Structure formats: C-alpha cells, structure tokens
Amino acid sequence: MKKRHLLGIGLMLLFSTQVKAQDPVIENIIKEAEENSQLRYLGHELLDGIGPRLVGSPQMQKAHDWAVAQFEAWGIEGKNEQWGEWRGWERGITHIDMVEPWVRSLSGTQLAWSPPSPEGGAMGEVIAIPKLEEGQSFEDWLPSVKGKYVMISTPQVTGRPDYNWEEWSTEESFSKMKEERDEMQAEWELRISQTGHGRREL
C-alpha cells in the first residue's frame, strides 16, 4: 500500500512538472492573470457600482446593459436575450420600530418580492406561530391573525456563534445551550408542520 501511495505521488509530481515546463498555454494563462487581471475593476463595477442583482430588479437590468457594453468595449458582440417574464421588484427602505412595552428600533429587511407596506407605514401586534392544540386546525386559527405580524422563523437561543461559545464558555454551558437550541428547533419544526404548509408558502 505504501509503495502504491509513493508511486502515485511520484507520478503526480512528475506530471505537474512536465505540464509547467512544456505547456506554454498554461504559462500564458498564469501570466495573464497575474499581470493583466481585470478582476478588481470588474468586481468594483458589479459589487460597488451596481450592487445586488435580484431577478426582476432595476439593478439586474443595469447589470445586463453593463455586460453588453463591456463586451462591445472589448470588441466582442453581445446582446440581451429575453427569456420569459418576471415580476419587477426593488427593495426599498426598511424601518422597523417596537413601540410596546418600550420604544426601540429594530434591524430587519423584507423578503424578496414582498408586497409594499401602505403609505405612511403599518402598525400591528407581533405574535409567534403557535403550537396548535389537539383538534385545532391551522385554518381555524388563521382568521385570528388578521392585521398582525406572525413570526415564523425559529427563535435563536443565543446571538453568539458556536466558536465563541467554545472559546469562552464552560463545556457544561456550551452543551446545555446546544441542547436547548436543538429542542427549540424541533418544537418549531413541529409548529410549521402543523400548518400543512412550507415556509415559503407561509
């Protein structure tokens, strides 16, 4: 077994050495990447200039037009190909405030393609999706949430990542946190399954 491993390593080293020594194409590719790379410029244009490019957003169309113009600047023919239709959407400003039991601004953003809030904003009670009682159906409960905001994501036991717990907590407290998190996740999955719908549908 050791001889086979040594033989394999020897062949790989020999092959890689021959490729580097004999293949000018690879050498030219490496040289092009090291001396004439456009990655910094292209990355700046896409990430800083245009930004997120969600399907159906103005930024997506801007990216399409930029790509065609860039190809033409390089002497390459390019054009936009229309493929089907998609809803237009753009993420606007998100501002969330908790007003009871005390006032505090919250961090959050709407999911893609969410409908807009009414002009002037909207106010409503915040509730969590419940664990349905025996004999109670999701359809029976649903009318009671009209005008409310229903939280469907699993509550987080901690805001600290695991590596931070491993570094700073005791082994006992870290294990306890993970157990509580697993229990919470299992209970929340049960709540979601009781609705008969997936997260995307909810």
C-alpha atoms as a PDB file:
ATOM      1  CA  MET A   1       0.000   0.000   0.000  1.00  0.00           C
ATOM      2  CA  LYS A   2       2.830   2.397   0.858  1.00  0.00           C
ATOM      3  CA  LYS A   3       4.551   1.667  -2.454  1.00  0.00           C
ATOM      4  CA  ARG A   4       1.362   2.495  -4.345  1.00  0.00           C
ATOM      5  CA  HIS A   5       0.999   5.779  -2.497  1.00  0.00           C
ATOM      6  CA  LEU A   6       4.607   6.707  -3.150  1.00  0.00           C
ATOM      7  CA  LEU A   7       4.279   5.765  -6.795  1.00  0.00           C
ATOM      8  CA  GLY A   8       1.125   7.853  -7.136  1.00  0.00           C
ATOM      9  CA  ILE A   9       2.746  10.883  -5.546  1.00  0.00           C
ATOM     10  CA  GLY A  10       5.784  10.475  -7.757  1.00  0.00           C
ATOM     11  CA  LEU A  11       3.662  10.350 -10.908  1.00  0.00           C
ATOM     12  CA  MET A  12       1.690  13.446  -9.898  1.00  0.00           C
ATOM     13  CA  LEU A  13       4.847  15.411  -9.211  1.00  0.00           C
ATOM     14  CA  LEU A  14       6.347  14.297 -12.499  1.00  0.00           C
ATOM     15  CA  PHE A  15       3.172  15.177 -14.403  1.00  0.00           C
ATOM     16  CA  SER A  16       2.833  18.629 -12.816  1.00  0.00           C
ATOM     17  CA  THR A  17       6.496  19.372 -13.528  1.00  0.00           C
ATOM     18  CA  GLN A  18       6.098  18.384 -17.177  1.00  0.00           C
ATOM     19  CA  VAL A  19       2.944  20.482 -17.547  1.00  0.00           C
ATOM     20  CA  LYS A  20       4.656  23.568 -16.163  1.00  0.00           C
ATOM     21  CA  ALA A  21       7.730  23.013 -18.293  1.00  0.00           C
ATOM     22  CA  GLN A  22       6.054  22.044 -21.568  1.00  0.00           C
ATOM     23  CA  ASP A  23       2.686  23.830 -21.773  1.00  0.00           C
ATOM     24  CA  PRO A  24       3.038  27.492 -22.805  1.00  0.00           C
ATOM     25  CA  VAL A  25      -0.754  27.864 -22.763  1.00  0.00           C
ATOM     26  CA  ILE A  26      -0.848  27.362 -19.001  1.00  0.00           C
ATOM     27  CA  GLU A  27       2.101  29.699 -18.564  1.00  0.00           C
ATOM     28  CA  ASN A  28       0.307  32.365 -20.612  1.00  0.00           C
ATOM     29  CA  ILE A  29      -2.897  31.926 -18.575  1.00  0.00           C
ATOM     30  CA  ILE A  30      -0.966  32.395 -15.336  1.00  0.00           C
ATOM     31  CA  LYS A  31       0.864  35.403 -16.759  1.00  0.00           C
ATOM     32  CA  GLU A  32      -2.387  36.974 -17.947  1.00  0.00           C
ATOM     33  CA  ALA A  33      -3.997  36.522 -14.528  1.00  0.00           C
ATOM     34  CA  GLU A  34      -1.009  37.965 -12.679  1.00  0.00           C
ATOM     35  CA  GLU A  35      -0.190  40.875 -14.997  1.00  0.00           C
ATOM     36  CA  ASN A  36      -3.419  41.851 -16.774  1.00  0.00           C
ATOM     37  CA  SER A  37      -6.195  40.792 -14.410  1.00  0.00           C
ATOM     38  CA  GLN A  38      -9.444  42.764 -14.711  1.00  0.00           C
ATOM     39  CA  LEU A  39     -10.889  41.201 -11.558  1.00  0.00           C
ATOM     40  CA  ARG A  40     -10.511  44.296  -9.368  1.00  0.00           C
ATOM     41  CA  TYR A  41     -12.138  46.570 -11.955  1.00  0.00           C
ATOM     42  CA  LEU A  42     -14.962  44.174 -12.836  1.00  0.00           C
ATOM     43  CA  GLY A  43     -15.623  43.355  -9.189  1.00  0.00           C
ATOM     44  CA  HIS A  44     -15.827  47.052  -8.326  1.00  0.00           C
ATOM     45  CA  GLU A  45     -18.292  47.727 -11.142  1.00  0.00           C
ATOM     46  CA  LEU A  46     -20.564  44.813 -10.242  1.00  0.00           C
ATOM     47  CA  LEU A  47     -20.375  44.849  -6.443  1.00  0.00           C
ATOM     48  CA  ASP A  48     -19.901  48.526  -5.608  1.00  0.00           C
ATOM     49  CA  GLY A  49     -21.399  50.236  -8.648  1.00  0.00           C
ATOM     50  CA  ILE A  50     -24.420  48.071  -9.497  1.00  0.00           C
ATOM     51  CA  GLY A  51     -24.854  46.109  -6.275  1.00  0.00           C
ATOM     52  CA  PRO A  52     -27.253  43.188  -5.620  1.00  0.00           C
ATOM     53  CA  ARG A  53     -28.848  41.926  -8.824  1.00  0.00           C
ATOM     54  CA  LEU A  54     -32.122  40.278  -7.832  1.00  0.00           C
ATOM     55  CA  VAL A  55     -34.136  38.866 -10.738  1.00  0.00           C
ATOM     56  CA  GLY A  56     -36.661  41.456 -11.882  1.00  0.00           C
ATOM     57  CA  SER A  57     -34.890  44.380 -10.206  1.00  0.00           C
ATOM     58  CA  PRO A  58     -33.606  47.520 -11.971  1.00  0.00           C
ATOM     59  CA  GLN A  59     -30.105  46.513 -10.857  1.00  0.00           C
ATOM     60  CA  MET A  60     -30.423  43.262 -12.802  1.00  0.00           C
ATOM     61  CA  GLN A  61     -31.258  45.156 -15.985  1.00  0.00           C
ATOM     62  CA  LYS A  62     -28.444  47.596 -15.289  1.00  0.00           C
ATOM     63  CA  ALA A  63     -26.040  44.656 -14.961  1.00  0.00           C
ATOM     64  CA  HIS A  64     -27.270  43.213 -18.279  1.00  0.00           C
ATOM     65  CA  ASP A  65     -26.712  46.516 -20.071  1.00  0.00           C
ATOM     66  CA  TRP A  66     -23.303  46.951 -18.433  1.00  0.00           C
ATOM     67  CA  ALA A  67     -22.211  43.460 -19.523  1.00  0.00           C
ATOM     68  CA  VAL A  68     -23.212  44.106 -23.139  1.00  0.00           C
ATOM     69  CA  ALA A  69     -21.401  47.454 -23.156  1.00  0.00           C
ATOM     70  CA  GLN A  70     -18.309  45.834 -21.624  1.00  0.00           C
ATOM     71  CA  PHE A  71     -18.253  43.101 -24.253  1.00  0.00           C
ATOM     72  CA  GLU A  72     -18.556  45.684 -27.017  1.00  0.00           C
ATOM     73  CA  ALA A  73     -15.694  47.689 -25.483  1.00  0.00           C
ATOM     74  CA  TRP A  74     -13.590  44.535 -25.759  1.00  0.00           C
ATOM     75  CA  GLY A  75     -14.610  44.074 -29.386  1.00  0.00           C
ATOM     76  CA  ILE A  76     -16.965  41.182 -28.612  1.00  0.00           C
ATOM     77  CA  GLU A  77     -20.525  41.131 -29.900  1.00  0.00           C
ATOM     78  CA  GLY A  78     -23.071  40.902 -27.093  1.00  0.00           C
ATOM     79  CA  LYS A  79     -26.807  41.326 -26.606  1.00  0.00           C
ATOM     80  CA  ASN A  80     -29.526  40.743 -24.028  1.00  0.00           C
ATOM     81  CA  GLU A  81     -31.682  37.687 -24.630  1.00  0.00           C
ATOM     82  CA  GLN A  82     -35.206  37.928 -23.226  1.00  0.00           C
ATOM     83  CA  TRP A  83     -36.212  34.665 -21.557  1.00  0.00           C
ATOM     84  CA  GLY A  84     -39.760  34.645 -20.291  1.00  0.00           C
ATOM     85  CA  GLU A  85     -41.244  37.250 -17.981  1.00  0.00           C
ATOM     86  CA  TRP A  86     -40.688  38.013 -14.318  1.00  0.00           C
ATOM     87  CA  ARG A  87     -42.228  40.374 -11.812  1.00  0.00           C
ATOM     88  CA  GLY A  88     -40.343  43.605 -11.368  1.00  0.00           C
ATOM     89  CA  TRP A  89     -39.309  44.340  -7.787  1.00  0.00           C
ATOM     90  CA  GLU A  90     -36.947  46.598  -5.904  1.00  0.00           C
ATOM     91  CA  ARG A  91     -36.129  46.521  -2.199  1.00  0.00           C
ATOM     92  CA  GLY A  92     -36.766  49.943  -0.752  1.00  0.00           C
ATOM     93  CA  ILE A  93     -36.154  51.390   2.683  1.00  0.00           C
ATOM     94  CA  THR A  94     -36.972  49.202   5.675  1.00  0.00           C
ATOM     95  CA  HIS A  95     -37.590  50.765   9.067  1.00  0.00           C
ATOM     96  CA  ILE A  96     -38.981  48.743  11.964  1.00  0.00           C
ATOM     97  CA  ASP A  97     -39.792  50.109  15.413  1.00  0.00           C
ATOM     98  CA  MET A  98     -41.001  48.328  18.516  1.00  0.00           C
ATOM     99  CA  VAL A  99     -43.448  50.618  20.325  1.00  0.00           C
ATOM    100  CA  GLU A 100     -44.570  48.365  23.209  1.00  0.00           C
ATOM    101  CA  PRO A 101     -43.667  47.700  26.002  1.00  0.00           C
ATOM    102  CA  TRP A 102     -40.964  50.275  25.224  1.00  0.00           C
ATOM    103  CA  VAL A 103     -39.663  52.024  22.128  1.00  0.00           C
ATOM    104  CA  ARG A 104     -36.750  50.543  20.239  1.00  0.00           C
ATOM    105  CA  SER A 105     -35.685  50.497  16.579  1.00  0.00           C
ATOM    106  CA  LEU A 106     -35.132  47.002  15.195  1.00  0.00           C
ATOM    107  CA  SER A 107     -32.924  45.666  12.408  1.00  0.00           C
ATOM    108  CA  GLY A 108     -34.619  43.768   9.607  1.00  0.00           C
ATOM    109  CA  THR A 109     -35.346  43.618   5.906  1.00  0.00           C
ATOM    110  CA  GLN A 110     -38.219  42.345   3.814  1.00  0.00           C
ATOM    111  CA  LEU A 111     -38.042  39.117   1.856  1.00  0.00           C
ATOM    112  CA  ALA A 112     -37.627  39.407  -1.899  1.00  0.00           C
ATOM    113  CA  TRP A 113     -40.834  40.158  -3.818  1.00  0.00           C
ATOM    114  CA  SER A 114     -42.715  41.034  -0.638  1.00  0.00           C
ATOM    115  CA  PRO A 115     -45.657  43.420  -1.150  1.00  0.00           C
ATOM    116  CA  PRO A 116     -45.110  47.018  -0.047  1.00  0.00           C
ATOM    117  CA  SER A 117     -46.488  48.420   3.189  1.00  0.00           C
ATOM    118  CA  PRO A 118     -49.163  51.133   2.998  1.00  0.00           C
ATOM    119  CA  GLU A 119     -48.025  54.709   2.549  1.00  0.00           C
ATOM    120  CA  GLY A 120     -47.087  56.018   5.953  1.00  0.00           C
ATOM    121  CA  GLY A 121     -46.252  52.551   7.273  1.00  0.00           C
ATOM    122  CA  ALA A 122     -48.254  49.919   9.118  1.00  0.00           C
ATOM    123  CA  MET A 123     -48.645  49.037  12.780  1.00  0.00           C
ATOM    124  CA  GLY A 124     -49.699  45.723  14.231  1.00  0.00           C
ATOM    125  CA  GLU A 125     -49.272  43.268  17.059  1.00  0.00           C
ATOM    126  CA  VAL A 126     -46.401  40.791  16.749  1.00  0.00           C
ATOM    127  CA  ILE A 127     -47.144  37.146  17.542  1.00  0.00           C
ATOM    128  CA  ALA A 128     -45.340  33.844  17.068  1.00  0.00           C
ATOM    129  CA  ILE A 129     -46.814  30.987  15.097  1.00  0.00           C
ATOM    130  CA  PRO A 130     -48.389  28.789  17.796  1.00  0.00           C
ATOM    131  CA  LYS A 131     -48.239  25.147  18.673  1.00  0.00           C
ATOM    132  CA  LEU A 132     -51.772  24.111  17.784  1.00  0.00           C
ATOM    133  CA  GLU A 133     -53.843  22.362  20.398  1.00  0.00           C
ATOM    134  CA  GLU A 134     -55.217  18.899  19.753  1.00  0.00           C
ATOM    135  CA  GLY A 135     -58.228  19.123  17.460  1.00  0.00           C
ATOM    136  CA  GLN A 136     -57.373  22.678  16.376  1.00  0.00           C
ATOM    137  CA  SER A 137     -56.583  23.223  12.708  1.00  0.00           C
ATOM    138  CA  PHE A 138     -54.424  25.853  11.079  1.00  0.00           C
ATOM    139  CA  GLU A 139     -57.429  27.067   9.088  1.00  0.00           C
ATOM    140  CA  ASP A 140     -59.404  27.582  12.314  1.00  0.00           C
ATOM    141  CA  TRP A 141     -56.586  29.643  13.820  1.00  0.00           C
ATOM    142  CA  LEU A 142     -55.746  31.683  10.704  1.00  0.00           C
ATOM    143  CA  PRO A 143     -58.585  34.274  10.904  1.00  0.00           C
ATOM    144  CA  SER A 144     -57.324  35.386  14.330  1.00  0.00           C
ATOM    145  CA  VAL A 145     -54.078  36.790  12.880  1.00  0.00           C
ATOM    146  CA  LYS A 146     -55.606  39.392  10.596  1.00  0.00           C
ATOM    147  CA  GLY A 147     -53.722  42.664  10.997  1.00  0.00           C
ATOM    148  CA  LYS A 148     -50.908  41.033  12.969  1.00  0.00           C
ATOM    149  CA  TYR A 149     -47.305  40.188  12.158  1.00  0.00           C
ATOM    150  CA  VAL A 150     -46.648  36.462  12.564  1.00  0.00           C
ATOM    151  CA  MET A 151     -43.089  35.357  13.312  1.00  0.00           C
ATOM    152  CA  ILE A 152     -42.364  32.037  11.569  1.00  0.00           C
ATOM    153  CA  SER A 153     -38.577  31.778  11.925  1.00  0.00           C
ATOM    154  CA  THR A 154     -37.110  29.758  14.791  1.00  0.00           C
ATOM    155  CA  PRO A 155     -36.222  31.942  17.807  1.00  0.00           C
ATOM    156  CA  GLN A 156     -32.495  31.989  18.483  1.00  0.00           C
ATOM    157  CA  VAL A 157     -31.299  30.793  21.878  1.00  0.00           C
ATOM    158  CA  THR A 158     -28.140  32.854  21.542  1.00  0.00           C
ATOM    159  CA  GLY A 159     -26.700  35.524  19.321  1.00  0.00           C
ATOM    160  CA  ARG A 160     -23.168  34.212  19.723  1.00  0.00           C
ATOM    161  CA  PRO A 161     -21.621  31.790  17.191  1.00  0.00           C
ATOM    162  CA  ASP A 162     -20.524  28.332  18.331  1.00  0.00           C
ATOM    163  CA  TYR A 163     -16.814  29.118  18.045  1.00  0.00           C
ATOM    164  CA  ASN A 164     -17.306  31.959  20.522  1.00  0.00           C
ATOM    165  CA  TRP A 165     -19.009  29.598  22.963  1.00  0.00           C
ATOM    166  CA  GLU A 166     -16.220  27.058  22.543  1.00  0.00           C
ATOM    167  CA  GLU A 167     -13.606  29.678  23.333  1.00  0.00           C
ATOM    168  CA  TRP A 168     -15.216  31.495  26.239  1.00  0.00           C
ATOM    169  CA  SER A 169     -17.837  29.256  27.889  1.00  0.00           C
ATOM    170  CA  THR A 170     -17.568  26.156  30.025  1.00  0.00           C
ATOM    171  CA  GLU A 171     -18.126  22.800  28.392  1.00  0.00           C
ATOM    172  CA  GLU A 172     -21.244  22.339  30.511  1.00  0.00           C
ATOM    173  CA  SER A 173     -22.861  25.637  29.496  1.00  0.00           C
ATOM    174  CA  PHE A 174     -21.984  25.067  25.825  1.00  0.00           C
ATOM    175  CA  SER A 175     -23.604  21.626  25.867  1.00  0.00           C
ATOM    176  CA  LYS A 176     -26.679  22.997  27.623  1.00  0.00           C
ATOM    177  CA  MET A 177     -27.046  25.758  25.028  1.00  0.00           C
ATOM    178  CA  LYS A 178     -26.859  23.262  22.158  1.00  0.00           C
ATOM    179  CA  GLU A 179     -29.466  21.032  23.792  1.00  0.00           C
ATOM    180  CA  GLU A 180     -31.823  23.979  24.253  1.00  0.00           C
ATOM    181  CA  ARG A 181     -31.249  25.036  20.663  1.00  0.00           C
ATOM    182  CA  ASP A 182     -31.990  21.556  19.318  1.00  0.00           C
ATOM    183  CA  GLU A 183     -35.153  21.334  21.421  1.00  0.00           C
ATOM    184  CA  MET A 184     -36.300  24.743  20.220  1.00  0.00           C
ATOM    185  CA  GLN A 185     -35.607  23.819  16.595  1.00  0.00           C
ATOM    186  CA  ALA A 186     -37.545  20.556  16.910  1.00  0.00           C
ATOM    187  CA  GLU A 187     -40.518  22.285  18.526  1.00  0.00           C
ATOM    188  CA  TRP A 188     -40.539  24.984  15.865  1.00  0.00           C
ATOM    189  CA  GLU A 189     -40.413  22.462  13.045  1.00  0.00           C
ATOM    190  CA  LEU A 190     -43.458  20.817  14.638  1.00  0.00           C
ATOM    191  CA  ARG A 191     -45.303  24.132  14.666  1.00  0.00           C
ATOM    192  CA  ILE A 192     -44.541  24.689  10.995  1.00  0.00           C
ATOM    193  CA  SER A 193     -45.553  21.140  10.039  1.00  0.00           C
ATOM    194  CA  GLN A 194     -48.899  21.557  11.825  1.00  0.00           C
ATOM    195  CA  THR A 195     -49.842  24.290   9.365  1.00  0.00           C
ATOM    196  CA  GLY A 196     -49.653  21.902   6.427  1.00  0.00           C
ATOM    197  CA  HIS A 197     -47.592  24.471   4.521  1.00  0.00           C
ATOM    198  CA  GLY A 198     -43.907  25.086   3.883  1.00  0.00           C
ATOM    199  CA  ARG A 199     -42.022  28.181   4.999  1.00  0.00           C
ATOM    200  CA  ARG A 200     -42.123  29.681   1.519  1.00  0.00           C
ATOM    201  CA  GLU A 201     -45.895  29.299   1.348  1.00  0.00           C
ATOM    202  CA  LEU A 202     -46.410  30.842   4.760  1.00  0.00           C
END
